[in-house]
Amino acid sequence: MRDNSVRKLVITVFAILLIGGLLVDSAAQKRRRTRRRSSAPRITNPEIYQPSPGDNSNSNSSETSTTSGNSNSNSSQTEDPDSMKRTIRTLSNQVDRLTDKLNDMQASQQSMVDLERLSRSEQRSAQLRTELSGVQSKKSELAAHLEDIEFALKPENIERAATGIGTTRPEEVREQRRKQLESDRTRTQQQLDQLNASEARLQQAIATSDADVDRLQKKLDAADRAAIENAKTNSQSGASQVTASPTPTP
């Protein structure tokens, strides 16, 4: 009986120890699981920013102020037509002055060109007159020489010239003298014809050059008169504008 009771007691103690060990082991495993879960990172969703009522009111007020500023500027621009008219008038006057200056520069440049052409035409006319004078001088000399040849070709003059030469064949001397005079007359007449043609050509060129000189001179005179008239008109218009402009009030 004692042996049975001791055996039961030992079995009971062993069972209690086994159950306690199992309980301790399960508790340790639970702790390990808890530690592992706590060490893993947690992903959380960020909070969405919600604007406060004050921000909305500030943005609305800024937009309202910008809109009102634009409307004020637009209204100020549209409500001042007098300043726009003055600006347009000022720009128009500046364009007119620039146009007048450009026209004056072009007229001055054209006048310089005309002056140069006039100078060249005058020089050409003077040169042509000098050439014409030389042609007319040669023509006078040849005409006088031709008269001498015509006088020497008279039979009595040929006879007189042959008599002065001692020869046994006076008719041959007279014939030779006559041929020489006729050849000289032909050559002199050809030279006179050429000089006559040159004289006609030079006279025509002088007439053309003189016409150019006259035309350019008239053109320059007209340009000078126009410049004087424009200066008078501009001075009168400037004086009238000064008189017509109202006195600025403070």
C-alpha atoms as a PDB file:
ATOM      1  CA  MET A   1       0.000   0.000   0.000  1.00  0.00           C
ATOM      2  CA  ARG A   2       2.790   2.427   0.849  1.00  0.00           C
ATOM      3  CA  ASP A   3       4.577   1.558  -2.335  1.00  0.00           C
ATOM      4  CA  ASN A   4       1.478   2.341  -4.357  1.00  0.00           C
ATOM      5  CA  SER A   5       0.969   5.645  -2.613  1.00  0.00           C
ATOM      6  CA  VAL A   6       4.611   6.648  -3.140  1.00  0.00           C
ATOM      7  CA  ARG A   7       4.382   5.710  -6.808  1.00  0.00           C
ATOM      8  CA  LYS A   8       1.228   7.799  -7.252  1.00  0.00           C
ATOM      9  CA  LEU A   9       2.877  10.714  -5.509  1.00  0.00           C
ATOM     10  CA  VAL A  10       5.920  10.544  -7.802  1.00  0.00           C
ATOM     11  CA  ILE A  11       3.715  10.321 -10.860  1.00  0.00           C
ATOM     12  CA  THR A  12       1.676  13.247  -9.710  1.00  0.00           C
ATOM     13  CA  VAL A  13       4.792  15.389  -9.106  1.00  0.00           C
ATOM     14  CA  PHE A  14       6.239  14.432 -12.477  1.00  0.00           C
ATOM     15  CA  ALA A  15       2.943  15.338 -14.200  1.00  0.00           C
ATOM     16  CA  ILE A  16       2.879  18.676 -12.420  1.00  0.00           C
ATOM     17  CA  LEU A  17       6.456  19.417 -13.496  1.00  0.00           C
ATOM     18  CA  LEU A  18       5.713  18.407 -17.104  1.00  0.00           C
ATOM     19  CA  ILE A  19       2.624  20.617 -17.258  1.00  0.00           C
ATOM     20  CA  GLY A  20       4.580  23.534 -15.751  1.00  0.00           C
ATOM     21  CA  GLY A  21       7.376  23.122 -18.307  1.00  0.00           C
ATOM     22  CA  LEU A  22       4.876  23.104 -21.149  1.00  0.00           C
ATOM     23  CA  LEU A  23       3.266  26.243 -19.794  1.00  0.00           C
ATOM     24  CA  VAL A  24       6.640  27.997 -19.481  1.00  0.00           C
ATOM     25  CA  ASP A  25       7.612  26.979 -23.019  1.00  0.00           C
ATOM     26  CA  SER A  26       4.360  28.309 -24.504  1.00  0.00           C
ATOM     27  CA  ALA A  27       4.785  31.585 -22.648  1.00  0.00           C
ATOM     28  CA  ALA A  28       8.320  32.003 -24.020  1.00  0.00           C
ATOM     29  CA  GLN A  29       7.136  31.335 -27.567  1.00  0.00           C
ATOM     30  CA  LYS A  30       4.403  33.955 -27.161  1.00  0.00           C
ATOM     31  CA  ARG A  31       6.992  36.483 -25.974  1.00  0.00           C
ATOM     32  CA  ARG A  32       9.234  35.754 -28.980  1.00  0.00           C
ATOM     33  CA  ARG A  33       6.347  36.210 -31.377  1.00  0.00           C
ATOM     34  CA  THR A  34       5.434  39.481 -29.737  1.00  0.00           C
ATOM     35  CA  ARG A  35       9.021  40.770 -30.011  1.00  0.00           C
ATOM     36  CA  ARG A  36       9.228  39.784 -33.676  1.00  0.00           C
ATOM     37  CA  ARG A  37       5.988  41.577 -34.476  1.00  0.00           C
ATOM     38  CA  SER A  38       7.056  44.697 -32.626  1.00  0.00           C
ATOM     39  CA  SER A  39      10.444  44.876 -34.418  1.00  0.00           C
ATOM     40  CA  ALA A  40       8.889  44.752 -37.963  1.00  0.00           C
ATOM     41  CA  PRO A  41       8.300  48.272 -39.509  1.00  0.00           C
ATOM     42  CA  ARG A  42       4.746  49.491 -39.663  1.00  0.00           C
ATOM     43  CA  ILE A  43       3.512  51.282 -42.796  1.00  0.00           C
ATOM     44  CA  THR A  44       1.069  54.042 -42.081  1.00  0.00           C
ATOM     45  CA  ASN A  45      -0.815  56.244 -44.559  1.00  0.00           C
ATOM     46  CA  PRO A  46       0.103  59.985 -44.426  1.00  0.00           C
ATOM     47  CA  GLU A  47      -2.523  62.377 -43.374  1.00  0.00           C
ATOM     48  CA  ILE A  48      -4.114  64.463 -46.117  1.00  0.00           C
ATOM     49  CA  TYR A  49      -3.688  68.218 -45.639  1.00  0.00           C
ATOM     50  CA  GLN A  50      -6.978  69.936 -45.166  1.00  0.00           C
ATOM     51  CA  PRO A  51      -6.846  73.718 -45.789  1.00  0.00           C
ATOM     52  CA  SER A  52      -8.179  75.742 -43.008  1.00  0.00           C
ATOM     53  CA  PRO A  53     -11.003  78.237 -43.531  1.00  0.00           C
ATOM     54  CA  GLY A  54      -8.505  81.050 -42.982  1.00  0.00           C
ATOM     55  CA  ASP A  55      -6.373  79.969 -45.972  1.00  0.00           C
ATOM     56  CA  ASN A  56      -9.395  79.877 -48.262  1.00  0.00           C
ATOM     57  CA  SER A  57     -10.414  83.320 -47.151  1.00  0.00           C
ATOM     58  CA  ASN A  58      -6.885  84.690 -47.734  1.00  0.00           C
ATOM     59  CA  SER A  59      -6.657  83.206 -51.247  1.00  0.00           C
ATOM     60  CA  ASN A  60     -10.107  84.472 -52.133  1.00  0.00           C
ATOM     61  CA  SER A  61      -9.202  87.919 -50.831  1.00  0.00           C
ATOM     62  CA  SER A  62      -5.935  87.975 -52.859  1.00  0.00           C
ATOM     63  CA  GLU A  63      -7.741  86.909 -56.035  1.00  0.00           C
ATOM     64  CA  THR A  64     -10.388  89.504 -55.387  1.00  0.00           C
ATOM     65  CA  SER A  65      -7.763  92.207 -54.851  1.00  0.00           C
ATOM     66  CA  THR A  66      -5.913  91.193 -58.067  1.00  0.00           C
ATOM     67  CA  THR A  67      -9.129  91.210 -60.057  1.00  0.00           C
ATOM     68  CA  SER A  68     -10.094  94.565 -58.646  1.00  0.00           C
ATOM     69  CA  GLY A  69      -6.613  95.937 -59.430  1.00  0.00           C
ATOM     70  CA  ASN A  70      -6.824  94.738 -63.032  1.00  0.00           C
ATOM     71  CA  SER A  71     -10.295  96.125 -63.397  1.00  0.00           C
ATOM     72  CA  ASN A  72      -9.119  99.435 -61.944  1.00  0.00           C
ATOM     73  CA  SER A  73      -6.151  99.574 -64.321  1.00  0.00           C
ATOM     74  CA  ASN A  74      -8.337  98.665 -67.295  1.00  0.00           C
ATOM     75  CA  SER A  75     -10.900 101.218 -66.282  1.00  0.00           C
ATOM     76  CA  SER A  76      -8.158 103.844 -65.824  1.00  0.00           C
ATOM     77  CA  GLN A  77      -6.807 103.071 -69.300  1.00  0.00           C
ATOM     78  CA  THR A  78     -10.197 103.133 -70.960  1.00  0.00           C
ATOM     79  CA  GLU A  79     -11.422 106.126 -69.019  1.00  0.00           C
ATOM     80  CA  ASP A  80      -8.624 108.489 -70.291  1.00  0.00           C
ATOM     81  CA  PRO A  81      -9.154 109.051 -74.046  1.00  0.00           C
ATOM     82  CA  ASP A  82      -7.625 112.527 -73.897  1.00  0.00           C
ATOM     83  CA  SER A  83      -4.216 111.160 -72.962  1.00  0.00           C
ATOM     84  CA  MET A  84      -4.460 108.628 -75.782  1.00  0.00           C
ATOM     85  CA  LYS A  85      -5.310 111.395 -78.231  1.00  0.00           C
ATOM     86  CA  ARG A  86      -2.377 113.462 -77.013  1.00  0.00           C
ATOM     87  CA  THR A  87      -0.068 110.467 -77.380  1.00  0.00           C
ATOM     88  CA  ILE A  88      -1.314 109.770 -80.900  1.00  0.00           C
ATOM     89  CA  ARG A  89      -0.930 113.445 -81.811  1.00  0.00           C
ATOM     90  CA  THR A  90       2.624 113.494 -80.442  1.00  0.00           C
ATOM     91  CA  LEU A  91       3.584 110.356 -82.355  1.00  0.00           C
ATOM     92  CA  SER A  92       2.007 111.740 -85.523  1.00  0.00           C
ATOM     93  CA  ASN A  93       3.988 114.960 -85.175  1.00  0.00           C
ATOM     94  CA  GLN A  94       7.199 112.991 -84.662  1.00  0.00           C
ATOM     95  CA  VAL A  95       6.487 110.921 -87.774  1.00  0.00           C
ATOM     96  CA  ASP A  96       5.816 114.095 -89.747  1.00  0.00           C
ATOM     97  CA  ARG A  97       9.073 115.653 -88.569  1.00  0.00           C
ATOM     98  CA  LEU A  98      11.033 112.524 -89.422  1.00  0.00           C
ATOM     99  CA  THR A  99       9.384 112.408 -92.843  1.00  0.00           C
ATOM    100  CA  ASP A 100      10.274 116.049 -93.448  1.00  0.00           C
ATOM    101  CA  LYS A 101      13.885 115.413 -92.412  1.00  0.00           C
ATOM    102  CA  LEU A 102      14.073 112.402 -94.701  1.00  0.00           C
ATOM    103  CA  ASN A 103      12.649 114.411 -97.588  1.00  0.00           C
ATOM    104  CA  ASP A 104      15.139 117.202 -96.878  1.00  0.00           C
ATOM    105  CA  MET A 105      18.013 114.714 -96.853  1.00  0.00           C
ATOM    106  CA  GLN A 106      16.848 113.191-100.146  1.00  0.00           C
ATOM    107  CA  ALA A 107      16.422 116.645-101.682  1.00  0.00           C
ATOM    108  CA  SER A 108      19.881 117.667-100.459  1.00  0.00           C
ATOM    109  CA  GLN A 109      21.406 114.488-101.860  1.00  0.00           C
ATOM    110  CA  GLN A 110      19.640 115.027-105.172  1.00  0.00           C
ATOM    111  CA  SER A 111      20.865 118.614-105.211  1.00  0.00           C
ATOM    112  CA  MET A 112      24.438 117.421-104.702  1.00  0.00           C
ATOM    113  CA  VAL A 113      24.038 115.002-107.591  1.00  0.00           C
ATOM    114  CA  ASP A 114      22.584 117.733-109.782  1.00  0.00           C
ATOM    115  CA  LEU A 115      25.411 120.082-108.847  1.00  0.00           C
ATOM    116  CA  GLU A 116      27.970 117.461-109.808  1.00  0.00           C
ATOM    117  CA  ARG A 117      26.199 116.826-113.104  1.00  0.00           C
ATOM    118  CA  LEU A 118      25.997 120.553-113.739  1.00  0.00           C
ATOM    119  CA  SER A 119      29.714 120.935-113.124  1.00  0.00           C
ATOM    120  CA  ARG A 120      30.479 118.056-115.497  1.00  0.00           C
ATOM    121  CA  SER A 121      28.189 119.470-118.170  1.00  0.00           C
ATOM    122  CA  GLU A 122      29.821 122.882-117.898  1.00  0.00           C
ATOM    123  CA  GLN A 123      33.281 121.339-118.144  1.00  0.00           C
ATOM    124  CA  ARG A 124      32.176 119.321-121.150  1.00  0.00           C
ATOM    125  CA  SER A 125      30.769 122.406-122.850  1.00  0.00           C
ATOM    126  CA  ALA A 126      34.017 124.288-122.242  1.00  0.00           C
ATOM    127  CA  GLN A 127      36.078 121.367-123.586  1.00  0.00           C
ATOM    128  CA  LEU A 128      33.869 121.046-126.666  1.00  0.00           C
ATOM    129  CA  ARG A 129      34.166 124.767-127.349  1.00  0.00           C
ATOM    130  CA  THR A 130      37.931 124.496-127.106  1.00  0.00           C
ATOM    131  CA  GLU A 131      37.915 121.624-129.616  1.00  0.00           C
ATOM    132  CA  LEU A 132      35.578 123.572-131.884  1.00  0.00           C
ATOM    133  CA  SER A 133      37.882 126.558-131.772  1.00  0.00           C
ATOM    134  CA  GLY A 134      40.826 124.382-132.834  1.00  0.00           C
ATOM    135  CA  VAL A 135      38.809 122.837-135.681  1.00  0.00           C
ATOM    136  CA  GLN A 136      37.697 126.225-136.928  1.00  0.00           C
ATOM    137  CA  SER A 137      41.285 127.498-136.807  1.00  0.00           C
ATOM    138  CA  LYS A 138      42.529 124.543-138.896  1.00  0.00           C
ATOM    139  CA  LYS A 139      39.595 124.990-141.220  1.00  0.00           C
ATOM    140  CA  SER A 140      40.539 128.612-141.810  1.00  0.00           C
ATOM    141  CA  GLU A 141      44.117 127.623-142.591  1.00  0.00           C
ATOM    142  CA  LEU A 142      43.024 124.952-145.057  1.00  0.00           C
ATOM    143  CA  ALA A 143      40.534 127.283-146.697  1.00  0.00           C
ATOM    144  CA  ALA A 144      43.279 129.866-147.231  1.00  0.00           C
ATOM    145  CA  HIS A 145      45.574 127.155-148.617  1.00  0.00           C
ATOM    146  CA  LEU A 146      42.824 125.973-150.955  1.00  0.00           C
ATOM    147  CA  GLU A 147      42.427 129.495-152.293  1.00  0.00           C
ATOM    148  CA  ASP A 148      46.145 129.604-152.970  1.00  0.00           C
ATOM    149  CA  ILE A 149      45.920 126.297-154.860  1.00  0.00           C
ATOM    150  CA  GLU A 150      43.008 127.553-156.929  1.00  0.00           C
ATOM    151  CA  PHE A 151      44.988 130.666-157.778  1.00  0.00           C
ATOM    152  CA  ALA A 152      48.070 128.612-158.714  1.00  0.00           C
ATOM    153  CA  LEU A 153      45.972 126.354-160.969  1.00  0.00           C
ATOM    154  CA  LYS A 154      45.166 129.177-163.332  1.00  0.00           C
ATOM    155  CA  PRO A 155      46.875 128.614-166.728  1.00  0.00           C
ATOM    156  CA  GLU A 156      48.800 131.846-166.665  1.00  0.00           C
ATOM    157  CA  ASN A 157      50.173 131.077-163.223  1.00  0.00           C
ATOM    158  CA  ILE A 158      51.168 127.551-164.278  1.00  0.00           C
ATOM    159  CA  GLU A 159      52.828 129.060-167.376  1.00  0.00           C
ATOM    160  CA  ARG A 160      54.668 131.584-165.280  1.00  0.00           C
ATOM    161  CA  ALA A 161      55.895 128.859-162.902  1.00  0.00           C
ATOM    162  CA  ALA A 162      57.111 126.702-165.807  1.00  0.00           C
ATOM    163  CA  THR A 163      58.872 129.651-167.466  1.00  0.00           C
ATOM    164  CA  GLY A 164      60.970 130.174-164.396  1.00  0.00           C
ATOM    165  CA  ILE A 165      62.308 126.631-164.729  1.00  0.00           C
ATOM    166  CA  GLY A 166      64.902 126.236-167.450  1.00  0.00           C
ATOM    167  CA  THR A 167      63.897 123.207-169.526  1.00  0.00           C
ATOM    168  CA  THR A 168      63.563 122.129-173.120  1.00  0.00           C
ATOM    169  CA  ARG A 169      60.107 120.601-172.471  1.00  0.00           C
ATOM    170  CA  PRO A 170      57.986 123.292-170.833  1.00  0.00           C
ATOM    171  CA  GLU A 171      54.696 121.421-171.549  1.00  0.00           C
ATOM    172  CA  GLU A 172      55.788 118.503-169.390  1.00  0.00           C
ATOM    173  CA  VAL A 173      56.750 120.887-166.626  1.00  0.00           C
ATOM    174  CA  ARG A 174      53.378 122.618-166.863  1.00  0.00           C
ATOM    175  CA  GLU A 175      51.529 119.244-166.792  1.00  0.00           C
ATOM    176  CA  GLN A 176      53.501 118.055-163.804  1.00  0.00           C
ATOM    177  CA  ARG A 177      52.840 121.357-162.025  1.00  0.00           C
ATOM    178  CA  ARG A 178      49.140 121.125-162.708  1.00  0.00           C
ATOM    179  CA  LYS A 179      48.925 117.529-161.418  1.00  0.00           C
ATOM    180  CA  GLN A 180      50.712 118.442-158.216  1.00  0.00           C
ATOM    181  CA  LEU A 181      48.353 121.353-157.604  1.00  0.00           C
ATOM    182  CA  GLU A 182      45.288 119.260-158.331  1.00  0.00           C
ATOM    183  CA  SER A 183      46.474 116.505-155.962  1.00  0.00           C
ATOM    184  CA  ASP A 184      47.119 119.111-153.276  1.00  0.00           C
ATOM    185  CA  ARG A 185      43.702 120.610-153.892  1.00  0.00           C
ATOM    186  CA  THR A 186      42.001 117.204-153.535  1.00  0.00           C
ATOM    187  CA  ARG A 187      43.822 116.432-150.318  1.00  0.00           C
ATOM    188  CA  THR A 188      43.060 119.868-148.888  1.00  0.00           C
ATOM    189  CA  GLN A 189      39.403 119.573-149.826  1.00  0.00           C
ATOM    190  CA  GLN A 190      39.145 116.186-148.065  1.00  0.00           C
ATOM    191  CA  GLN A 191      40.661 117.674-144.943  1.00  0.00           C
ATOM    192  CA  LEU A 192      38.191 120.541-145.125  1.00  0.00           C
ATOM    193  CA  ASP A 193      35.307 118.091-145.454  1.00  0.00           C
ATOM    194  CA  GLN A 194      36.483 116.222-142.382  1.00  0.00           C
ATOM    195  CA  LEU A 195      36.822 119.459-140.459  1.00  0.00           C
ATOM    196  CA  ASN A 196      33.356 120.519-141.544  1.00  0.00           C
ATOM    197  CA  ALA A 197      31.951 117.215-140.236  1.00  0.00           C
ATOM    198  CA  SER A 198      33.852 117.614-136.972  1.00  0.00           C
ATOM    199  CA  GLU A 199      32.603 121.155-136.655  1.00  0.00           C
ATOM    200  CA  ALA A 200      28.988 120.063-137.117  1.00  0.00           C
ATOM    201  CA  ARG A 201      29.407 117.246-134.595  1.00  0.00           C
ATOM    202  CA  LEU A 202      30.997 119.544-132.028  1.00  0.00           C
ATOM    203  CA  GLN A 203      28.311 122.171-132.487  1.00  0.00           C
ATOM    204  CA  GLN A 204      25.621 119.538-131.909  1.00  0.00           C
ATOM    205  CA  ALA A 205      27.416 118.241-128.805  1.00  0.00           C
ATOM    206  CA  ILE A 206      27.800 121.775-127.484  1.00  0.00           C
ATOM    207  CA  ALA A 207      24.097 122.421-128.013  1.00  0.00           C
ATOM    208  CA  THR A 208      23.198 119.233-126.106  1.00  0.00           C
ATOM    209  CA  SER A 209      25.607 120.027-123.284  1.00  0.00           C
ATOM    210  CA  ASP A 210      24.340 123.603-123.038  1.00  0.00           C
ATOM    211  CA  ALA A 211      20.770 122.280-122.876  1.00  0.00           C
ATOM    212  CA  ASP A 212      21.777 119.984-119.997  1.00  0.00           C
ATOM    213  CA  VAL A 213      23.440 122.891-118.226  1.00  0.00           C
ATOM    214  CA  ASP A 214      20.348 125.034-118.655  1.00  0.00           C
ATOM    215  CA  ARG A 215      18.011 122.253-117.480  1.00  0.00           C
ATOM    216  CA  LEU A 216      20.116 121.435-114.418  1.00  0.00           C
ATOM    217  CA  GLN A 217      20.465 125.089-113.553  1.00  0.00           C
ATOM    218  CA  LYS A 218      16.700 125.569-113.686  1.00  0.00           C
ATOM    219  CA  LYS A 219      16.199 122.425-111.587  1.00  0.00           C
ATOM    220  CA  LEU A 220      18.604 123.642-108.928  1.00  0.00           C
ATOM    221  CA  ASP A 221      16.978 127.065-108.886  1.00  0.00           C
ATOM    222  CA  ALA A 222      13.555 125.449-108.451  1.00  0.00           C
ATOM    223  CA  ALA A 223      14.906 123.257-105.629  1.00  0.00           C
ATOM    224  CA  ASP A 224      16.351 126.311-103.890  1.00  0.00           C
ATOM    225  CA  ARG A 225      13.051 128.161-104.174  1.00  0.00           C
ATOM    226  CA  ALA A 226      11.165 125.113-102.865  1.00  0.00           C
ATOM    227  CA  ALA A 227      13.549 124.813 -99.906  1.00  0.00           C
ATOM    228  CA  ILE A 228      13.025 128.477 -99.068  1.00  0.00           C
ATOM    229  CA  GLU A 229       9.250 128.087 -99.286  1.00  0.00           C
ATOM    230  CA  ASN A 230       9.327 124.971 -97.105  1.00  0.00           C
ATOM    231  CA  ALA A 231      11.431 126.760 -94.515  1.00  0.00           C
ATOM    232  CA  LYS A 232       8.947 129.652 -94.449  1.00  0.00           C
ATOM    233  CA  THR A 233       5.997 127.255 -94.187  1.00  0.00           C
ATOM    234  CA  ASN A 234       7.604 125.269 -91.382  1.00  0.00           C
ATOM    235  CA  SER A 235       8.428 128.405 -89.439  1.00  0.00           C
ATOM    236  CA  GLN A 236       4.872 129.718 -89.852  1.00  0.00           C
ATOM    237  CA  SER A 237       3.326 126.375 -88.847  1.00  0.00           C
ATOM    238  CA  GLY A 238       5.610 126.166 -85.810  1.00  0.00           C
ATOM    239  CA  ALA A 239       4.634 129.665 -84.748  1.00  0.00           C
ATOM    240  CA  SER A 240       0.925 128.886 -85.218  1.00  0.00           C
ATOM    241  CA  GLN A 241       1.262 125.710 -83.130  1.00  0.00           C
ATOM    242  CA  VAL A 242       2.955 127.616 -80.344  1.00  0.00           C
ATOM    243  CA  THR A 243       0.205 130.239 -80.460  1.00  0.00           C
ATOM    244  CA  ALA A 244      -2.598 127.696 -80.599  1.00  0.00           C
ATOM    245  CA  SER A 245      -1.281 125.432 -77.836  1.00  0.00           C
ATOM    246  CA  PRO A 246      -3.118 126.103 -74.537  1.00  0.00           C
ATOM    247  CA  THR A 247      -1.225 127.289 -71.526  1.00  0.00           C
ATOM    248  CA  PRO A 248      -0.798 124.385 -69.084  1.00  0.00           C
ATOM    249  CA  THR A 249      -2.641 124.894 -65.807  1.00  0.00           C
ATOM    250  CA  PRO A 250      -1.067 123.758 -62.539  1.00  0.00           C
END
